[in-house]
Amino acid sequence: MAKADSLVGRTLQMGDEGFERYIDELMEECARFIQLVAQLRQLPEGECPDRDRLETEFFGSLAHLTEHSSSLSEWVDQLIEKLPEGD
């Protein structure tokens, strides 16, 4: 935990343009996921063509978020490793 303690008061650089686009895509997918959840909550349980379509989109969005968050976690780990040791 020594490295995590050394982060206090430091700024983590977000990175290049590619990473900024990546974050934007992640934010868009988060918004899409929230919208799908809201739509699913309004539909009745059971057989419903709209519900089937939305559930398919929901699971696709969830898979996309899972992949994005995994990649983001790896990026943050690499960034932390590059930080200078504590003062």
N, C-alpha and C. Protein backbone atom coordinates (compact mmCIF):
# COMPACT_ATOMS: atom_id res chain seq x y z
N MET A 1 0.80 -1.20 0.00
CA MET A 1 0.00 0.00 0.00
C MET A 1 0.84 1.26 0.00
N ALA A 2 2.14 1.15 0.06
CA ALA A 2 2.99 2.33 0.10
C ALA A 2 2.80 3.19 -1.14
N LYS A 3 2.65 2.55 -2.30
CA LYS A 3 2.45 3.34 -3.54
C LYS A 3 1.14 4.09 -3.49
N ALA A 4 0.08 3.47 -3.02
CA ALA A 4 -1.21 4.13 -2.95
C ALA A 4 -1.13 5.33 -2.00
N ASP A 5 -0.42 5.17 -0.89
CA ASP A 5 -0.27 6.28 0.05
C ASP A 5 0.46 7.45 -0.60
N SER A 6 1.38 7.14 -1.51
CA SER A 6 2.16 8.21 -2.13
C SER A 6 1.34 9.00 -3.16
N LEU A 7 0.12 8.55 -3.47
CA LEU A 7 -0.73 9.25 -4.44
C LEU A 7 -1.40 10.47 -3.83
N VAL A 8 -1.48 10.51 -2.52
CA VAL A 8 -2.19 11.61 -1.87
C VAL A 8 -1.54 12.93 -2.25
N GLY A 9 -2.35 13.85 -2.75
CA GLY A 9 -1.86 15.18 -3.11
C GLY A 9 -1.19 15.26 -4.47
N ARG A 10 -1.15 14.18 -5.22
CA ARG A 10 -0.54 14.20 -6.55
C ARG A 10 -1.63 14.15 -7.61
N THR A 11 -1.30 14.61 -8.79
CA THR A 11 -2.24 14.59 -9.90
C THR A 11 -1.86 13.48 -10.86
N LEU A 12 -2.82 12.63 -11.20
CA LEU A 12 -2.58 11.59 -12.19
C LEU A 12 -2.88 12.19 -13.56
N GLN A 13 -1.94 12.15 -14.46
CA GLN A 13 -2.14 12.67 -15.81
C GLN A 13 -3.05 11.71 -16.57
N MET A 14 -4.05 12.25 -17.24
CA MET A 14 -5.01 11.41 -17.95
C MET A 14 -4.41 10.76 -19.18
N GLY A 15 -3.43 11.37 -19.77
CA GLY A 15 -2.81 10.72 -20.91
C GLY A 15 -3.05 11.46 -22.20
N ASP A 16 -2.95 10.74 -23.27
CA ASP A 16 -3.05 11.34 -24.59
C ASP A 16 -4.49 11.43 -25.08
N GLU A 17 -4.63 11.92 -26.31
CA GLU A 17 -5.95 12.06 -26.92
C GLU A 17 -6.69 10.74 -27.03
N GLY A 18 -5.96 9.69 -27.33
CA GLY A 18 -6.58 8.37 -27.45
C GLY A 18 -7.24 7.94 -26.16
N PHE A 19 -6.58 8.22 -25.06
CA PHE A 19 -7.16 7.86 -23.76
C PHE A 19 -8.38 8.72 -23.47
N GLU A 20 -8.32 9.99 -23.82
CA GLU A 20 -9.46 10.87 -23.61
C GLU A 20 -10.68 10.36 -24.39
N ARG A 21 -10.46 9.90 -25.62
CA ARG A 21 -11.56 9.32 -26.42
C ARG A 21 -12.10 8.07 -25.74
N TYR A 22 -11.19 7.28 -25.18
CA TYR A 22 -11.57 6.05 -24.48
C TYR A 22 -12.49 6.39 -23.31
N ILE A 23 -12.12 7.41 -22.53
CA ILE A 23 -12.94 7.83 -21.39
C ILE A 23 -14.30 8.33 -21.88
N ASP A 24 -14.32 9.09 -22.96
CA ASP A 24 -15.58 9.58 -23.52
C ASP A 24 -16.49 8.41 -23.92
N GLU A 25 -15.92 7.40 -24.56
CA GLU A 25 -16.70 6.22 -24.95
C GLU A 25 -17.25 5.50 -23.73
N LEU A 26 -16.44 5.40 -22.69
CA LEU A 26 -16.89 4.75 -21.46
C LEU A 26 -18.05 5.53 -20.84
N MET A 27 -17.95 6.83 -20.82
CA MET A 27 -19.04 7.66 -20.28
C MET A 27 -20.31 7.50 -21.10
N GLU A 28 -20.18 7.46 -22.43
CA GLU A 28 -21.35 7.26 -23.29
C GLU A 28 -22.00 5.92 -23.03
N GLU A 29 -21.18 4.89 -22.86
CA GLU A 29 -21.74 3.56 -22.61
C GLU A 29 -22.41 3.49 -21.24
N CYS A 30 -21.86 4.19 -20.26
CA CYS A 30 -22.49 4.26 -18.94
C CYS A 30 -23.87 4.90 -19.05
N ALA A 31 -23.97 5.98 -19.80
CA ALA A 31 -25.25 6.67 -19.99
C ALA A 31 -26.24 5.75 -20.72
N ARG A 32 -25.75 5.03 -21.71
CA ARG A 32 -26.61 4.10 -22.47
C ARG A 32 -27.13 3.00 -21.54
N PHE A 33 -26.26 2.46 -20.69
CA PHE A 33 -26.64 1.41 -19.75
C PHE A 33 -27.72 1.91 -18.79
N ILE A 34 -27.55 3.11 -18.26
CA ILE A 34 -28.53 3.68 -17.34
C ILE A 34 -29.87 3.86 -18.03
N GLN A 35 -29.83 4.31 -19.29
CA GLN A 35 -31.06 4.50 -20.06
C GLN A 35 -31.76 3.15 -20.28
N LEU A 36 -31.01 2.12 -20.59
CA LEU A 36 -31.60 0.79 -20.80
C LEU A 36 -32.24 0.27 -19.52
N VAL A 37 -31.59 0.46 -18.39
CA VAL A 37 -32.16 0.02 -17.11
C VAL A 37 -33.48 0.74 -16.86
N ALA A 38 -33.49 2.05 -17.09
CA ALA A 38 -34.72 2.82 -16.88
C ALA A 38 -35.85 2.32 -17.78
N GLN A 39 -35.53 2.02 -19.03
CA GLN A 39 -36.55 1.53 -19.96
C GLN A 39 -37.05 0.15 -19.54
N LEU A 40 -36.14 -0.71 -19.11
CA LEU A 40 -36.55 -2.05 -18.68
C LEU A 40 -37.44 -2.00 -17.45
N ARG A 41 -37.16 -1.08 -16.56
CA ARG A 41 -37.98 -0.96 -15.35
C ARG A 41 -39.41 -0.54 -15.66
N GLN A 42 -39.63 0.08 -16.79
CA GLN A 42 -40.97 0.55 -17.16
C GLN A 42 -41.79 -0.53 -17.88
N LEU A 43 -41.14 -1.58 -18.32
CA LEU A 43 -41.85 -2.63 -19.06
C LEU A 43 -42.29 -3.75 -18.12
N PRO A 44 -43.42 -4.38 -18.44
CA PRO A 44 -43.87 -5.50 -17.62
C PRO A 44 -42.95 -6.71 -17.79
N GLU A 45 -42.88 -7.53 -16.74
CA GLU A 45 -42.11 -8.77 -16.81
C GLU A 45 -42.80 -9.73 -17.80
N GLY A 46 -42.05 -10.67 -18.32
CA GLY A 46 -42.63 -11.69 -19.17
C GLY A 46 -42.41 -11.43 -20.65
N GLU A 47 -43.18 -12.16 -21.46
CA GLU A 47 -43.06 -12.09 -22.91
C GLU A 47 -43.42 -10.71 -23.43
N CYS A 48 -42.48 -10.11 -24.12
CA CYS A 48 -42.71 -8.78 -24.69
C CYS A 48 -41.56 -8.53 -25.68
N PRO A 49 -41.87 -8.33 -26.95
CA PRO A 49 -40.81 -8.12 -27.94
C PRO A 49 -39.88 -6.96 -27.58
N ASP A 50 -40.47 -5.86 -27.08
CA ASP A 50 -39.64 -4.72 -26.70
C ASP A 50 -38.70 -5.09 -25.56
N ARG A 51 -39.22 -5.84 -24.59
CA ARG A 51 -38.40 -6.25 -23.45
C ARG A 51 -37.27 -7.17 -23.90
N ASP A 52 -37.55 -8.09 -24.79
CA ASP A 52 -36.51 -8.99 -25.30
C ASP A 52 -35.40 -8.20 -25.98
N ARG A 53 -35.77 -7.24 -26.79
CA ARG A 53 -34.77 -6.40 -27.48
C ARG A 53 -33.95 -5.60 -26.48
N LEU A 54 -34.62 -4.98 -25.51
CA LEU A 54 -33.92 -4.18 -24.52
C LEU A 54 -33.00 -5.03 -23.63
N GLU A 55 -33.45 -6.23 -23.30
CA GLU A 55 -32.61 -7.12 -22.50
C GLU A 55 -31.35 -7.51 -23.27
N THR A 56 -31.50 -7.74 -24.56
CA THR A 56 -30.35 -8.06 -25.40
C THR A 56 -29.38 -6.88 -25.41
N GLU A 57 -29.91 -5.68 -25.59
CA GLU A 57 -29.06 -4.49 -25.58
C GLU A 57 -28.43 -4.28 -24.20
N PHE A 58 -29.18 -4.56 -23.14
CA PHE A 58 -28.68 -4.44 -21.77
C PHE A 58 -27.46 -5.33 -21.56
N PHE A 59 -27.56 -6.59 -21.95
CA PHE A 59 -26.43 -7.51 -21.75
C PHE A 59 -25.25 -7.16 -22.64
N GLY A 60 -25.52 -6.66 -23.84
CA GLY A 60 -24.44 -6.19 -24.70
C GLY A 60 -23.73 -4.99 -24.08
N SER A 61 -24.50 -4.07 -23.55
CA SER A 61 -23.92 -2.89 -22.90
C SER A 61 -23.13 -3.30 -21.66
N LEU A 62 -23.65 -4.22 -20.90
CA LEU A 62 -22.95 -4.70 -19.71
C LEU A 62 -21.61 -5.34 -20.09
N ALA A 63 -21.60 -6.12 -21.15
CA ALA A 63 -20.35 -6.74 -21.62
C ALA A 63 -19.35 -5.66 -22.05
N HIS A 64 -19.84 -4.65 -22.74
CA HIS A 64 -18.99 -3.55 -23.19
C HIS A 64 -18.41 -2.81 -21.99
N LEU A 65 -19.23 -2.53 -20.98
CA LEU A 65 -18.75 -1.85 -19.78
C LEU A 65 -17.72 -2.70 -19.03
N THR A 66 -17.96 -3.99 -18.97
CA THR A 66 -17.03 -4.89 -18.30
C THR A 66 -15.66 -4.85 -18.96
N GLU A 67 -15.65 -4.91 -20.28
CA GLU A 67 -14.39 -4.86 -21.03
C GLU A 67 -13.70 -3.51 -20.84
N HIS A 68 -14.46 -2.44 -20.96
CA HIS A 68 -13.90 -1.10 -20.79
C HIS A 68 -13.32 -0.90 -19.40
N SER A 69 -14.06 -1.34 -18.37
CA SER A 69 -13.58 -1.12 -17.01
C SER A 69 -12.35 -1.96 -16.72
N SER A 70 -12.26 -3.13 -17.31
CA SER A 70 -11.08 -3.97 -17.14
C SER A 70 -9.86 -3.29 -17.76
N SER A 71 -10.02 -2.77 -18.95
CA SER A 71 -8.92 -2.07 -19.61
C SER A 71 -8.53 -0.82 -18.84
N LEU A 72 -9.52 -0.11 -18.31
CA LEU A 72 -9.24 1.09 -17.54
C LEU A 72 -8.46 0.74 -16.27
N SER A 73 -8.83 -0.33 -15.64
CA SER A 73 -8.14 -0.77 -14.43
C SER A 73 -6.67 -1.10 -14.74
N GLU A 74 -6.43 -1.75 -15.86
CA GLU A 74 -5.06 -2.06 -16.27
C GLU A 74 -4.27 -0.78 -16.52
N TRP A 75 -4.90 0.22 -17.16
CA TRP A 75 -4.24 1.48 -17.44
C TRP A 75 -3.86 2.19 -16.14
N VAL A 76 -4.77 2.22 -15.18
CA VAL A 76 -4.50 2.87 -13.90
C VAL A 76 -3.37 2.16 -13.17
N ASP A 77 -3.36 0.84 -13.20
CA ASP A 77 -2.27 0.08 -12.58
C ASP A 77 -0.92 0.46 -13.19
N GLN A 78 -0.87 0.56 -14.51
CA GLN A 78 0.37 0.94 -15.19
C GLN A 78 0.78 2.36 -14.82
N LEU A 79 -0.19 3.25 -14.73
CA LEU A 79 0.09 4.63 -14.37
C LEU A 79 0.67 4.72 -12.96
N ILE A 80 0.08 3.99 -12.05
CA ILE A 80 0.56 4.00 -10.66
C ILE A 80 1.99 3.48 -10.59
N GLU A 81 2.29 2.45 -11.38
CA GLU A 81 3.65 1.90 -11.39
C GLU A 81 4.67 2.93 -11.88
N LYS A 82 4.25 3.85 -12.71
CA LYS A 82 5.16 4.85 -13.27
C LYS A 82 5.38 6.03 -12.32
N LEU A 83 4.55 6.15 -11.30
CA LEU A 83 4.71 7.27 -10.38
C LEU A 83 6.02 7.17 -9.62
N PRO A 84 6.63 8.31 -9.31
CA PRO A 84 7.86 8.27 -8.54
C PRO A 84 7.60 7.75 -7.14
N GLU A 85 8.59 7.17 -6.56
CA GLU A 85 8.45 6.65 -5.19
C GLU A 85 8.20 7.80 -4.24
N GLY A 86 7.67 7.51 -3.05
CA GLY A 86 7.35 8.52 -2.05
C GLY A 86 8.53 9.41 -1.73
N ASP A 87 8.19 10.62 -1.31
CA ASP A 87 9.21 11.63 -1.01
C ASP A 87 9.93 11.32 0.27
